[in-house]
PDB file of N, CA and C in Angstrom:
ATOM      1  N   MET A   1     132.798 137.851 114.741  1.00  0.00           N
ATOM      2  CA  MET A   1     132.702 137.302 113.400  1.00  0.00           C
ATOM      3  C   MET A   1     133.178 138.347 112.403  1.00  0.00           C
ATOM      4  N   SER A   2     134.079 137.984 111.527  1.00  0.00           N
ATOM      5  CA  SER A   2     134.637 138.908 110.560  1.00  0.00           C
ATOM      6  C   SER A   2     133.634 139.234 109.467  1.00  0.00           C
ATOM      7  N   SER A   3     133.685 140.480 108.983  1.00  0.00           N
ATOM      8  CA  SER A   3     132.777 140.877 107.911  1.00  0.00           C
ATOM      9  C   SER A   3     133.400 140.649 106.544  1.00  0.00           C
ATOM     10  N   LEU A   4     134.594 140.065 106.505  1.00  0.00           N
ATOM     11  CA  LEU A   4     135.269 139.864 105.236  1.00  0.00           C
ATOM     12  C   LEU A   4     135.750 138.425 105.134  1.00  0.00           C
ATOM     13  N   HIS A   5     135.461 137.827 104.009  1.00  0.00           N
ATOM     14  CA  HIS A   5     135.949 136.479 103.726  1.00  0.00           C
ATOM     15  C   HIS A   5     136.867 136.599 102.525  1.00  0.00           C
ATOM     16  N   ARG A   6     138.069 136.084 102.635  1.00  0.00           N
ATOM     17  CA  ARG A   6     139.041 136.172 101.542  1.00  0.00           C
ATOM     18  C   ARG A   6     139.649 134.802 101.294  1.00  0.00           C
ATOM     19  N   GLU A   7     139.685 134.408 100.030  1.00  0.00           N
ATOM     20  CA  GLU A   7     140.337 133.171  99.620  1.00  0.00           C
ATOM     21  C   GLU A   7     141.225 133.454  98.432  1.00  0.00           C
ATOM     22  N   THR A   8     142.335 132.758  98.362  1.00  0.00           N
ATOM     23  CA  THR A   8     143.192 132.873  97.183  1.00  0.00           C
ATOM     24  C   THR A   8     143.159 131.562  96.407  1.00  0.00           C
ATOM     25  N   PHE A   9     143.252 131.695  95.110  1.00  0.00           N
ATOM     26  CA  PHE A   9     143.222 130.552  94.201  1.00  0.00           C
ATOM     27  C   PHE A   9     144.335 130.731  93.171  1.00  0.00           C
ATOM     28  N   ARG A  10     144.913 129.632  92.716  1.00  0.00           N
ATOM     29  CA  ARG A  10     145.882 129.672  91.628  1.00  0.00           C
ATOM     30  C   ARG A  10     145.198 129.098  90.394  1.00  0.00           C
ATOM     31  N   VAL A  11     145.286 129.813  89.282  1.00  0.00           N
ATOM     32  CA  VAL A  11     144.628 129.400  88.042  1.00  0.00           C
ATOM     33  C   VAL A  11     145.323 128.161  87.489  1.00  0.00           C
ATOM     34  N   ARG A  12     144.521 127.129  87.258  1.00  0.00           N
ATOM     35  CA  ARG A  12     145.038 125.848  86.758  1.00  0.00           C
ATOM     36  C   ARG A  12     144.968 125.803  85.231  1.00  0.00           C
ATOM     37  N   ALA A  13     145.777 124.979  84.637  1.00  0.00           N
ATOM     38  CA  ALA A  13     145.818 124.844  83.176  1.00  0.00           C
ATOM     39  C   ALA A  13     144.450 124.446  82.624  1.00  0.00           C
ATOM     40  N   SER A  14     143.723 123.621  83.358  1.00  0.00           N
ATOM     41  CA  SER A  14     142.412 123.160  82.884  1.00  0.00           C
ATOM     42  C   SER A  14     141.368 124.276  82.852  1.00  0.00           C
ATOM     43  N   GLU A  15     141.676 125.413  83.450  1.00  0.00           N
ATOM     44  CA  GLU A  15     140.733 126.535  83.500  1.00  0.00           C
ATOM     45  C   GLU A  15     141.011 127.590  82.424  1.00  0.00           C
ATOM     46  N   ILE A  16     142.021 127.353  81.601  1.00  0.00           N
ATOM     47  CA  ILE A  16     142.427 128.321  80.583  1.00  0.00           C
ATOM     48  C   ILE A  16     141.680 128.070  79.278  1.00  0.00           C
ATOM     49  N   GLY A  17     141.248 129.153  78.656  1.00  0.00           N
ATOM     50  CA  GLY A  17     140.555 129.065  77.381  1.00  0.00           C
ATOM     51  C   GLY A  17     141.505 129.233  76.215  1.00  0.00           C
ATOM     52  N   PRO A  18     140.978 129.203  74.995  1.00  0.00           N
ATOM     53  CA  PRO A  18     141.812 129.292  73.791  1.00  0.00           C
ATOM     54  C   PRO A  18     142.600 130.598  73.689  1.00  0.00           C
ATOM     55  N   GLY A  19     142.104 131.679  74.288  1.00  0.00           N
ATOM     56  CA  GLY A  19     142.786 132.960  74.216  1.00  0.00           C
ATOM     57  C   GLY A  19     143.891 133.137  75.252  1.00  0.00           C
ATOM     58  N   GLY A  20     144.092 132.141  76.110  1.00  0.00           N
ATOM     59  CA  GLY A  20     145.151 132.211  77.102  1.00  0.00           C
ATOM     60  C   GLY A  20     144.705 132.714  78.465  1.00  0.00           C
ATOM     61  N   GLY A  21     143.488 133.223  78.557  1.00  0.00           N
ATOM     62  CA  GLY A  21     142.965 133.675  79.841  1.00  0.00           C
ATOM     63  C   GLY A  21     142.055 132.630  80.462  1.00  0.00           C
ATOM     64  N   MET A  22     141.777 132.818  81.715  1.00  0.00           N
ATOM     65  CA  MET A  22     140.884 131.904  82.424  1.00  0.00           C
ATOM     66  C   MET A  22     139.493 131.952  81.777  1.00  0.00           C
ATOM     67  N   ARG A  23     138.891 130.798  81.594  1.00  0.00           N
ATOM     68  CA  ARG A  23     137.534 130.747  81.048  1.00  0.00           C
ATOM     69  C   ARG A  23     136.576 131.376  82.062  1.00  0.00           C
ATOM     70  N   LEU A  24     135.626 132.149  81.578  1.00  0.00           N
ATOM     71  CA  LEU A  24     134.689 132.833  82.465  1.00  0.00           C
ATOM     72  C   LEU A  24     133.915 131.861  83.356  1.00  0.00           C
ATOM     73  N   PRO A  25     133.421 130.730  82.842  1.00  0.00           N
ATOM     74  CA  PRO A  25     132.737 129.803  83.746  1.00  0.00           C
ATOM     75  C   PRO A  25     133.631 129.323  84.895  1.00  0.00           C
ATOM     76  N   ALA A  26     134.924 129.135  84.642  1.00  0.00           N
ATOM     77  CA  ALA A  26     135.842 128.708  85.698  1.00  0.00           C
ATOM     78  C   ALA A  26     135.994 129.807  86.748  1.00  0.00           C
ATOM     79  N   LEU A  27     136.060 131.058  86.310  1.00  0.00           N
ATOM     80  CA  LEU A  27     136.158 132.173  87.246  1.00  0.00           C
ATOM     81  C   LEU A  27     134.886 132.271  88.096  1.00  0.00           C
ATOM     82  N   LEU A  28     133.742 132.111  87.457  1.00  0.00           N
ATOM     83  CA  LEU A  28     132.476 132.152  88.196  1.00  0.00           C
ATOM     84  C   LEU A  28     132.384 130.998  89.192  1.00  0.00           C
ATOM     85  N   ASP A  29     132.957 129.838  88.848  1.00  0.00           N
ATOM     86  CA  ASP A  29     133.004 128.717  89.798  1.00  0.00           C
ATOM     87  C   ASP A  29     133.765 129.107  91.058  1.00  0.00           C
ATOM     88  N   LEU A  30     134.875 129.840  90.902  1.00  0.00           N
ATOM     89  CA  LEU A  30     135.636 130.289  92.068  1.00  0.00           C
ATOM     90  C   LEU A  30     134.825 131.260  92.915  1.00  0.00           C
ATOM     91  N   PHE A  31     134.093 132.146  92.262  1.00  0.00           N
ATOM     92  CA  PHE A  31     133.243 133.074  93.001  1.00  0.00           C
ATOM     93  C   PHE A  31     132.198 132.306  93.811  1.00  0.00           C
ATOM     94  N   GLN A  32     131.606 131.279  93.188  1.00  0.00           N
ATOM     95  CA  GLN A  32     130.603 130.473  93.883  1.00  0.00           C
ATOM     96  C   GLN A  32     131.218 129.732  95.057  1.00  0.00           C
ATOM     97  N   GLU A  33     132.405 129.186  94.853  1.00  0.00           N
ATOM     98  CA  GLU A  33     133.101 128.474  95.928  1.00  0.00           C
ATOM     99  C   GLU A  33     133.364 129.406  97.114  1.00  0.00           C
ATOM    100  N   ALA A  34     133.871 130.592  96.825  1.00  0.00           N
ATOM    101  CA  ALA A  34     134.156 131.561  97.885  1.00  0.00           C
ATOM    102  C   ALA A  34     132.868 132.006  98.576  1.00  0.00           C
ATOM    103  N   ALA A  35     131.808 132.218  97.819  1.00  0.00           N
ATOM    104  CA  ALA A  35     130.533 132.626  98.421  1.00  0.00           C
ATOM    105  C   ALA A  35     129.995 131.538  99.343  1.00  0.00           C
ATOM    106  N   GLY A  36     130.075 130.288  98.909  1.00  0.00           N
ATOM    107  CA  GLY A  36     129.611 129.184  99.752  1.00  0.00           C
ATOM    108  C   GLY A  36     130.433 129.050 101.016  1.00  0.00           C
ATOM    109  N   ASN A  37     131.751 129.187 100.901  1.00  0.00           N
ATOM    110  CA  ASN A  37     132.614 129.102 102.081  1.00  0.00           C
ATOM    111  C   ASN A  37     132.369 130.271 103.030  1.00  0.00           C
ATOM    112  N   SER A  38     132.122 131.449 102.476  1.00  0.00           N
ATOM    113  CA  SER A  38     131.807 132.616 103.300  1.00  0.00           C
ATOM    114  C   SER A  38     130.498 132.402 104.050  1.00  0.00           C
ATOM    115  N   ALA A  39     129.482 131.909 103.346  1.00  0.00           N
ATOM    116  CA  ALA A  39     128.193 131.648 103.982  1.00  0.00           C
ATOM    117  C   ALA A  39     128.335 130.630 105.108  1.00  0.00           C
ATOM    118  N   THR A  40     129.124 129.587 104.886  1.00  0.00           N
ATOM    119  CA  THR A  40     129.354 128.576 105.921  1.00  0.00           C
ATOM    120  C   THR A  40     130.025 129.195 107.135  1.00  0.00           C
ATOM    121  N   ALA A  41     131.041 130.030 106.903  1.00  0.00           N
ATOM    122  CA  ALA A  41     131.746 130.679 108.010  1.00  0.00           C
ATOM    123  C   ALA A  41     130.824 131.597 108.814  1.00  0.00           C
ATOM    124  N   LEU A  42     129.808 132.133 108.149  1.00  0.00           N
ATOM    125  CA  LEU A  42     128.875 133.042 108.808  1.00  0.00           C
ATOM    126  C   LEU A  42     127.702 132.307 109.467  1.00  0.00           C
ATOM    127  N   GLY A  43     127.656 130.978 109.297  1.00  0.00           N
ATOM    128  CA  GLY A  43     126.613 130.200 109.949  1.00  0.00           C
ATOM    129  C   GLY A  43     125.383 129.941 109.111  1.00  0.00           C
ATOM    130  N   TRP A  44     125.406 130.301 107.842  1.00  0.00           N
ATOM    131  CA  TRP A  44     124.251 129.997 106.999  1.00  0.00           C
ATOM    132  C   TRP A  44     124.672 129.334 105.693  1.00  0.00           C
ATOM    133  N   GLY A  45     125.549 128.340 105.840  1.00  0.00           N
ATOM    134  CA  GLY A  45     125.985 127.549 104.698  1.00  0.00           C
ATOM    135  C   GLY A  45     124.916 126.556 104.266  1.00  0.00           C
ATOM    136  N   SER A  46     125.085 126.026 103.083  1.00  0.00           N
ATOM    137  CA  SER A  46     124.085 125.122 102.495  1.00  0.00           C
ATOM    138  C   SER A  46     123.820 123.896 103.349  1.00  0.00           C
ATOM    139  N   ASP A  47     124.853 123.298 103.945  1.00  0.00           N
ATOM    140  CA  ASP A  47     124.644 122.087 104.751  1.00  0.00           C
ATOM    141  C   ASP A  47     123.661 122.355 105.888  1.00  0.00           C
ATOM    142  N   ARG A  48     123.885 123.432 106.612  1.00  0.00           N
ATOM    143  CA  ARG A  48     123.009 123.751 107.742  1.00  0.00           C
ATOM    144  C   ARG A  48     121.606 124.112 107.266  1.00  0.00           C
ATOM    145  N   LEU A  49     121.527 124.956 106.250  1.00  0.00           N
ATOM    146  CA  LEU A  49     120.215 125.395 105.781  1.00  0.00           C
ATOM    147  C   LEU A  49     119.408 124.242 105.185  1.00  0.00           C
ATOM    148  N   LEU A  50     120.049 123.382 104.407  1.00  0.00           N
ATOM    149  CA  LEU A  50     119.321 122.265 103.802  1.00  0.00           C
ATOM    150  C   LEU A  50     118.776 121.319 104.868  1.00  0.00           C
ATOM    151  N   ALA A  51     119.499 121.152 105.963  1.00  0.00           N
ATOM    152  CA  ALA A  51     119.011 120.322 107.065  1.00  0.00           C
ATOM    153  C   ALA A  51     117.744 120.903 107.674  1.00  0.00           C
ATOM    154  N   GLU A  52     117.560 122.215 107.508  1.00  0.00           N
ATOM    155  CA  GLU A  52     116.362 122.897 108.014  1.00  0.00           C
ATOM    156  C   GLU A  52     115.309 123.090 106.922  1.00  0.00           C
ATOM    157  N   GLY A  53     115.561 122.530 105.732  1.00  0.00           N
ATOM    158  CA  GLY A  53     114.616 122.678 104.629  1.00  0.00           C
ATOM    159  C   GLY A  53     114.673 124.054 103.981  1.00  0.00           C
ATOM    160  N   ARG A  54     115.820 124.731 104.101  1.00  0.00           N
ATOM    161  CA  ARG A  54     115.974 126.067 103.510  1.00  0.00           C
ATOM    162  C   ARG A  54     117.247 126.109 102.670  1.00  0.00           C
ATOM    163  N   THR A  55     117.414 127.164 101.911  1.00  0.00           N
ATOM    164  CA  THR A  55     118.644 127.394 101.161  1.00  0.00           C
ATOM    165  C   THR A  55     118.747 128.875 100.847  1.00  0.00           C
ATOM    166  N   TRP A  56     119.856 129.285 100.263  1.00  0.00           N
ATOM    167  CA  TRP A  56     119.978 130.652  99.772  1.00  0.00           C
ATOM    168  C   TRP A  56     120.259 130.580  98.286  1.00  0.00           C
ATOM    169  N   VAL A  57     119.814 131.609  97.576  1.00  0.00           N
ATOM    170  CA  VAL A  57     119.932 131.635  96.129  1.00  0.00           C
ATOM    171  C   VAL A  57     120.452 133.004  95.704  1.00  0.00           C
ATOM    172  N   LEU A  58     121.455 133.018  94.863  1.00  0.00           N
ATOM    173  CA  LEU A  58     121.908 134.257  94.246  1.00  0.00           C
ATOM    174  C   LEU A  58     121.072 134.444  92.995  1.00  0.00           C
ATOM    175  N   SER A  59     120.266 135.476  92.970  1.00  0.00           N
ATOM    176  CA  SER A  59     119.349 135.642  91.849  1.00  0.00           C
ATOM    177  C   SER A  59     119.947 136.458  90.713  1.00  0.00           C
ATOM    178  N   ARG A  60     120.920 137.308  91.000  1.00  0.00           N
ATOM    179  CA  ARG A  60     121.591 138.058  89.946  1.00  0.00           C
ATOM    180  C   ARG A  60     122.828 138.727  90.510  1.00  0.00           C
ATOM    181  N   PHE A  61     123.729 139.072  89.636  1.00  0.00           N
ATOM    182  CA  PHE A  61     124.922 139.801  90.039  1.00  0.00           C
ATOM    183  C   PHE A  61     125.404 140.616  88.855  1.00  0.00           C
ATOM    184  N   HIS A  62     126.259 141.554  89.116  1.00  0.00           N
ATOM    185  CA  HIS A  62     126.838 142.396  88.073  1.00  0.00           C
ATOM    186  C   HIS A  62     128.343 142.172  88.096  1.00  0.00           C
ATOM    187  N   LEU A  63     128.924 141.883  86.970  1.00  0.00           N
ATOM    188  CA  LEU A  63     130.349 141.595  86.884  1.00  0.00           C
ATOM    189  C   LEU A  63     130.972 142.514  85.847  1.00  0.00           C
ATOM    190  N   ARG A  64     132.019 143.201  86.243  1.00  0.00           N
ATOM    191  CA  ARG A  64     132.764 144.054  85.321  1.00  0.00           C
ATOM    192  C   ARG A  64     134.224 143.606  85.371  1.00  0.00           C
ATOM    193  N   LEU A  65     134.748 143.171  84.223  1.00  0.00           N
ATOM    194  CA  LEU A  65     136.124 142.664  84.157  1.00  0.00           C
ATOM    195  C   LEU A  65     136.956 143.528  83.228  1.00  0.00           C
ATOM    196  N   SER A  66     138.191 143.746  83.616  1.00  0.00           N
ATOM    197  CA  SER A  66     139.118 144.425  82.710  1.00  0.00           C
ATOM    198  C   SER A  66     139.986 143.396  81.987  1.00  0.00           C
ATOM    199  N   GLY A  67     139.960 142.167  82.446  1.00  0.00           N
ATOM    200  CA  GLY A  67     140.715 141.086  81.830  1.00  0.00           C
ATOM    201  C   GLY A  67     140.522 139.815  82.635  1.00  0.00           C
ATOM    202  N   LEU A  68     140.988 138.731  82.087  1.00  0.00           N
ATOM    203  CA  LEU A  68     140.874 137.440  82.768  1.00  0.00           C
ATOM    204  C   LEU A  68     142.248 136.993  83.247  1.00  0.00           C
ATOM    205  N   PRO A  69     142.320 136.343  84.404  1.00  0.00           N
ATOM    206  CA  PRO A  69     143.603 135.877  84.925  1.00  0.00           C
ATOM    207  C   PRO A  69     144.245 134.850  83.987  1.00  0.00           C
ATOM    208  N   ALA A  70     145.551 134.782  84.035  1.00  0.00           N
ATOM    209  CA  ALA A  70     146.317 133.853  83.200  1.00  0.00           C
ATOM    210  C   ALA A  70     146.690 132.600  83.994  1.00  0.00           C
ATOM    211  N   TRP A  71     147.166 131.601  83.285  1.00  0.00           N
ATOM    212  CA  TRP A  71     147.604 130.336  83.884  1.00  0.00           C
ATOM    213  C   TRP A  71     148.638 130.605  84.970  1.00  0.00           C
ATOM    214  N   ARG A  72     148.460 129.937  86.089  1.00  0.00           N
ATOM    215  CA  ARG A  72     149.320 129.996  87.276  1.00  0.00           C
ATOM    216  C   ARG A  72     149.228 131.317  88.043  1.00  0.00           C
ATOM    217  N   GLU A  73     148.449 132.239  87.563  1.00  0.00           N
ATOM    218  CA  GLU A  73     148.291 133.499  88.293  1.00  0.00           C
ATOM    219  C   GLU A  73     147.496 133.239  89.567  1.00  0.00           C
ATOM    220  N   GLU A  74     147.867 133.901  90.639  1.00  0.00           N
ATOM    221  CA  GLU A  74     147.121 133.780  91.891  1.00  0.00           C
ATOM    222  C   GLU A  74     146.120 134.919  91.955  1.00  0.00           C
ATOM    223  N   ILE A  75     144.886 134.571  92.264  1.00  0.00           N
ATOM    224  CA  ILE A  75     143.851 135.591  92.387  1.00  0.00           C
ATOM    225  C   ILE A  75     143.210 135.465  93.764  1.00  0.00           C
ATOM    226  N   ALA A  76     142.731 136.569  94.259  1.00  0.00           N
ATOM    227  CA  ALA A  76     142.043 136.586  95.553  1.00  0.00           C
ATOM    228  C   ALA A  76     140.588 136.951  95.321  1.00  0.00           C
ATOM    229  N   VAL A  77     139.717 136.271  96.014  1.00  0.00           N
ATOM    230  CA  VAL A  77     138.284 136.538  95.956  1.00  0.00           C
ATOM    231  C   VAL A  77     137.848 136.954  97.347  1.00  0.00           C
ATOM    232  N   GLU A  78     137.208 138.088  97.440  1.00  0.00           N
ATOM    233  CA  GLU A  78     136.735 138.593  98.730  1.00  0.00           C
ATOM    234  C   GLU A  78     135.224 138.768  98.685  1.00  0.00           C
ATOM    235  N   ASN A  79     134.568 138.335  99.745  1.00  0.00           N
ATOM    236  CA  ASN A  79     133.132 138.532  99.905  1.00  0.00           C
ATOM    237  C   ASN A  79     132.906 139.321 101.175  1.00  0.00           C
ATOM    238  N   ALA A  80     132.390 140.487 101.055  1.00  0.00           N
ATOM    239  CA  ALA A  80     131.991 141.210 102.258  1.00  0.00           C
ATOM    240  C   ALA A  80     130.548 140.808 102.536  1.00  0.00           C
ATOM    241  N   HIS A  81     130.289 140.266 103.710  1.00  0.00           N
ATOM    242  CA  HIS A  81     128.922 139.817 104.020  1.00  0.00           C
ATOM    243  C   HIS A  81     128.094 140.984 104.544  1.00  0.00           C
ATOM    244  N   VAL A  82     128.491 142.159 104.170  1.00  0.00           N
ATOM    245  CA  VAL A  82     127.828 143.363 104.663  1.00  0.00           C
ATOM    246  C   VAL A  82     126.668 143.729 103.733  1.00  0.00           C
ATOM    247  N   PHE A  83     125.822 142.775 103.502  1.00  0.00           N
ATOM    248  CA  PHE A  83     124.663 142.930 102.624  1.00  0.00           C
ATOM    249  C   PHE A  83     123.863 144.190 102.975  1.00  0.00           C
ATOM    250  N   LYS A  84     123.529 144.335 104.226  1.00  0.00           N
ATOM    251  CA  LYS A  84     122.723 145.487 104.649  1.00  0.00           C
ATOM    252  C   LYS A  84     123.497 146.794 104.518  1.00  0.00           C
ATOM    253  N   ARG A  85     124.772 146.765 104.844  1.00  0.00           N
ATOM    254  CA  ARG A  85     125.578 147.986 104.774  1.00  0.00           C
ATOM    255  C   ARG A  85     125.663 148.521 103.343  1.00  0.00           C
ATOM    256  N   HIS A  86     125.518 147.631 102.365  1.00  0.00           N
ATOM    257  CA  HIS A  86     125.584 148.049 100.968  1.00  0.00           C
ATOM    258  C   HIS A  86     124.192 148.207 100.360  1.00  0.00           C
ATOM    259  N   GLY A  87     123.219 148.445 101.186  1.00  0.00           N
ATOM    260  CA  GLY A  87     121.883 148.738 100.684  1.00  0.00           C
ATOM    261  C   GLY A  87     120.942 147.566 100.592  1.00  0.00           C
ATOM    262  N   GLY A  88     121.388 146.371 100.938  1.00  0.00           N
ATOM    263  CA  GLY A  88     120.499 145.217 100.883  1.00  0.00           C
ATOM    264  C   GLY A  88     119.391 145.344 101.915  1.00  0.00           C
ATOM    265  N   GLU A  89     118.186 145.081 101.515  1.00  0.00           N
ATOM    266  CA  GLU A  89     117.044 145.219 102.423  1.00  0.00           C
ATOM    267  C   GLU A  89     116.183 143.969 102.510  1.00  0.00           C
ATOM    268  N   ASN A  90     116.179 143.156 101.479  1.00  0.00           N
ATOM    269  CA  ASN A  90     115.206 142.073 101.394  1.00  0.00           C
ATOM    270  C   ASN A  90     115.849 140.699 101.502  1.00  0.00           C
ATOM    271  N   PHE A  91     116.550 140.442 102.588  1.00  0.00           N
ATOM    272  CA  PHE A  91     117.118 139.116 102.820  1.00  0.00           C
ATOM    273  C   PHE A  91     116.072 138.294 103.541  1.00  0.00           C
ATOM    274  N   ALA A  92     115.690 137.168 102.968  1.00  0.00           N
ATOM    275  CA  ALA A  92     114.630 136.371 103.565  1.00  0.00           C
ATOM    276  C   ALA A  92     114.939 134.888 103.414  1.00  0.00           C
ATOM    277  N   ALA A  93     114.540 134.110 104.382  1.00  0.00           N
ATOM    278  CA  ALA A  93     114.651 132.654 104.307  1.00  0.00           C
ATOM    279  C   ALA A  93     113.344 132.128 103.735  1.00  0.00           C
ATOM    280  N   ILE A  94     113.450 131.273 102.738  1.00  0.00           N
ATOM    281  CA  ILE A  94     112.257 130.697 102.121  1.00  0.00           C
ATOM    282  C   ILE A  94     112.414 129.181 102.090  1.00  0.00           C
ATOM    283  N   ALA A  95     111.310 128.495 102.020  1.00  0.00           N
ATOM    284  CA  ALA A  95     111.348 127.031 101.919  1.00  0.00           C
ATOM    285  C   ALA A  95     112.014 126.641 100.606  1.00  0.00           C
ATOM    286  N   CYS A  96     112.663 125.490 100.575  1.00  0.00           N
ATOM    287  CA  CYS A  96     113.307 125.018  99.347  1.00  0.00           C
ATOM    288  C   CYS A  96     112.286 124.923  98.225  1.00  0.00           C
ATOM    289  N   LEU A  97     112.609 125.514  97.088  1.00  0.00           N
ATOM    290  CA  LEU A  97     111.691 125.501  95.959  1.00  0.00           C
ATOM    291  C   LEU A  97     111.506 124.107  95.377  1.00  0.00           C
ATOM    292  N   ASN A  98     112.540 123.277  95.460  1.00  0.00           N
ATOM    293  CA  ASN A  98     112.424 121.951  94.854  1.00  0.00           C
ATOM    294  C   ASN A  98     111.671 120.962  95.738  1.00  0.00           C
ATOM    295  N   ASP A  99     110.995 121.481  96.750  1.00  0.00           N
ATOM    296  CA  ASP A  99     110.251 120.633  97.673  1.00  0.00           C
ATOM    297  C   ASP A  99     108.789 120.456  97.263  1.00  0.00           C
ATOM    298  N   SER A 100     108.373 121.127  96.163  1.00  0.00           N
ATOM    299  CA  SER A 100     106.975 121.019  95.745  1.00  0.00           C
ATOM    300  C   SER A 100     106.867 121.224  94.234  1.00  0.00           C
ATOM    301  N   ALA A 101     105.772 120.767  93.662  1.00  0.00           N
ATOM    302  CA  ALA A 101     105.547 120.953  92.223  1.00  0.00           C
ATOM    303  C   ALA A 101     105.483 122.435  91.856  1.00  0.00           C
ATOM    304  N   PRO A 102     104.765 123.282  92.609  1.00  0.00           N
ATOM    305  CA  PRO A 102     104.763 124.713  92.266  1.00  0.00           C
ATOM    306  C   PRO A 102     106.168 125.326  92.360  1.00  0.00           C
ATOM    307  N   GLY A 103     106.952 124.894  93.329  1.00  0.00           N
ATOM    308  CA  GLY A 103     108.317 125.389  93.461  1.00  0.00           C
ATOM    309  C   GLY A 103     109.177 124.983  92.282  1.00  0.00           C
ATOM    310  N   MET A 104     109.034 123.745  91.833  1.00  0.00           N
ATOM    311  CA  MET A 104     109.789 123.284  90.671  1.00  0.00           C
ATOM    312  C   MET A 104     109.391 124.063  89.424  1.00  0.00           C
ATOM    313  N   LEU A 105     108.125 124.440  89.333  1.00  0.00           N
ATOM    314  CA  LEU A 105     107.674 125.256  88.206  1.00  0.00           C
ATOM    315  C   LEU A 105     108.375 126.613  88.222  1.00  0.00           C
ATOM    316  N   VAL A 106     108.523 127.205  89.397  1.00  0.00           N
ATOM    317  CA  VAL A 106     109.234 128.483  89.526  1.00  0.00           C
ATOM    318  C   VAL A 106     110.679 128.324  89.052  1.00  0.00           C
ATOM    319  N   ILE A 107     111.353 127.257  89.496  1.00  0.00           N
ATOM    320  CA  ILE A 107     112.741 127.019  89.080  1.00  0.00           C
ATOM    321  C   ILE A 107     112.824 126.877  87.566  1.00  0.00           C
ATOM    322  N   TRP A 108     111.911 126.096  86.991  1.00  0.00           N
ATOM    323  CA  TRP A 108     111.901 125.894  85.545  1.00  0.00           C
ATOM    324  C   TRP A 108     111.679 127.214  84.821  1.00  0.00           C
ATOM    325  N   GLN A 109     110.726 128.024  85.283  1.00  0.00           N
ATOM    326  CA  GLN A 109     110.446 129.304  84.641  1.00  0.00           C
ATOM    327  C   GLN A 109     111.645 130.251  84.727  1.00  0.00           C
ATOM    328  N   LEU A 110     112.310 130.289  85.880  1.00  0.00           N
ATOM    329  CA  LEU A 110     113.502 131.127  86.019  1.00  0.00           C
ATOM    330  C   LEU A 110     114.615 130.666  85.091  1.00  0.00           C
ATOM    331  N   ALA A 111     114.816 129.358  85.035  1.00  0.00           N
ATOM    332  CA  ALA A 111     115.862 128.820  84.167  1.00  0.00           C
ATOM    333  C   ALA A 111     115.568 129.152  82.706  1.00  0.00           C
ATOM    334  N   MET A 112     114.338 128.982  82.273  1.00  0.00           N
ATOM    335  CA  MET A 112     113.971 129.279  80.890  1.00  0.00           C
ATOM    336  C   MET A 112     114.149 130.765  80.587  1.00  0.00           C
ATOM    337  N   ARG A 113     113.793 131.625  81.532  1.00  0.00           N
ATOM    338  CA  ARG A 113     113.963 133.073  81.337  1.00  0.00           C
ATOM    339  C   ARG A 113     115.441 133.431  81.204  1.00  0.00           C
ATOM    340  N   GLU A 114     116.270 132.876  82.083  1.00  0.00           N
ATOM    341  CA  GLU A 114     117.693 133.223  82.081  1.00  0.00           C
ATOM    342  C   GLU A 114     118.440 132.595  80.904  1.00  0.00           C
ATOM    343  N   LEU A 115     117.939 131.471  80.391  1.00  0.00           N
ATOM    344  CA  LEU A 115     118.589 130.796  79.270  1.00  0.00           C
ATOM    345  C   LEU A 115     118.062 131.248  77.915  1.00  0.00           C
ATOM    346  N   LYS A 116     117.110 132.168  77.922  1.00  0.00           N
ATOM    347  CA  LYS A 116     116.508 132.642  76.670  1.00  0.00           C
ATOM    348  C   LYS A 116     117.600 133.138  75.733  1.00  0.00           C
ATOM    349  N   GLY A 117     117.575 132.632  74.531  1.00  0.00           N
ATOM    350  CA  GLY A 117     118.589 132.985  73.551  1.00  0.00           C
ATOM    351  C   GLY A 117     119.788 132.045  73.542  1.00  0.00           C
ATOM    352  N   TRP A 118     119.948 131.243  74.589  1.00  0.00           N
ATOM    353  CA  TRP A 118     121.048 130.287  74.673  1.00  0.00           C
ATOM    354  C   TRP A 118     120.621 128.901  74.245  1.00  0.00           C
ATOM    355  N   VAL A 119     119.374 128.552  74.556  1.00  0.00           N
ATOM    356  CA  VAL A 119     118.882 127.221  74.200  1.00  0.00           C
ATOM    357  C   VAL A 119     117.637 127.333  73.362  1.00  0.00           C
TER     358      VAL A 119
END
């Protein structure tokens, strides 16, 4: 099993913002797509996990950009699944949070915390 997942994408006109660069939400969508495809290739994609009543959640990430891709530019997204090799220690499978009222409360509280100042 490869430790590297790589996908290439071409920036579409619908993903361009007023400044001529790719809109940040569109770029983050590509990152999510690549992460999901990488997880599936590694055997822990959402389809399989949800069938077992589990899922994975990205709780935070750090993004540093020097610029945004332009229309028709090809970009590559790479995910190294080497979580442990990069210092990851606390990978755990948990029951789906949306399966219970207390779990839904956790989701709501996280969403409200992360959206603070936006809504």
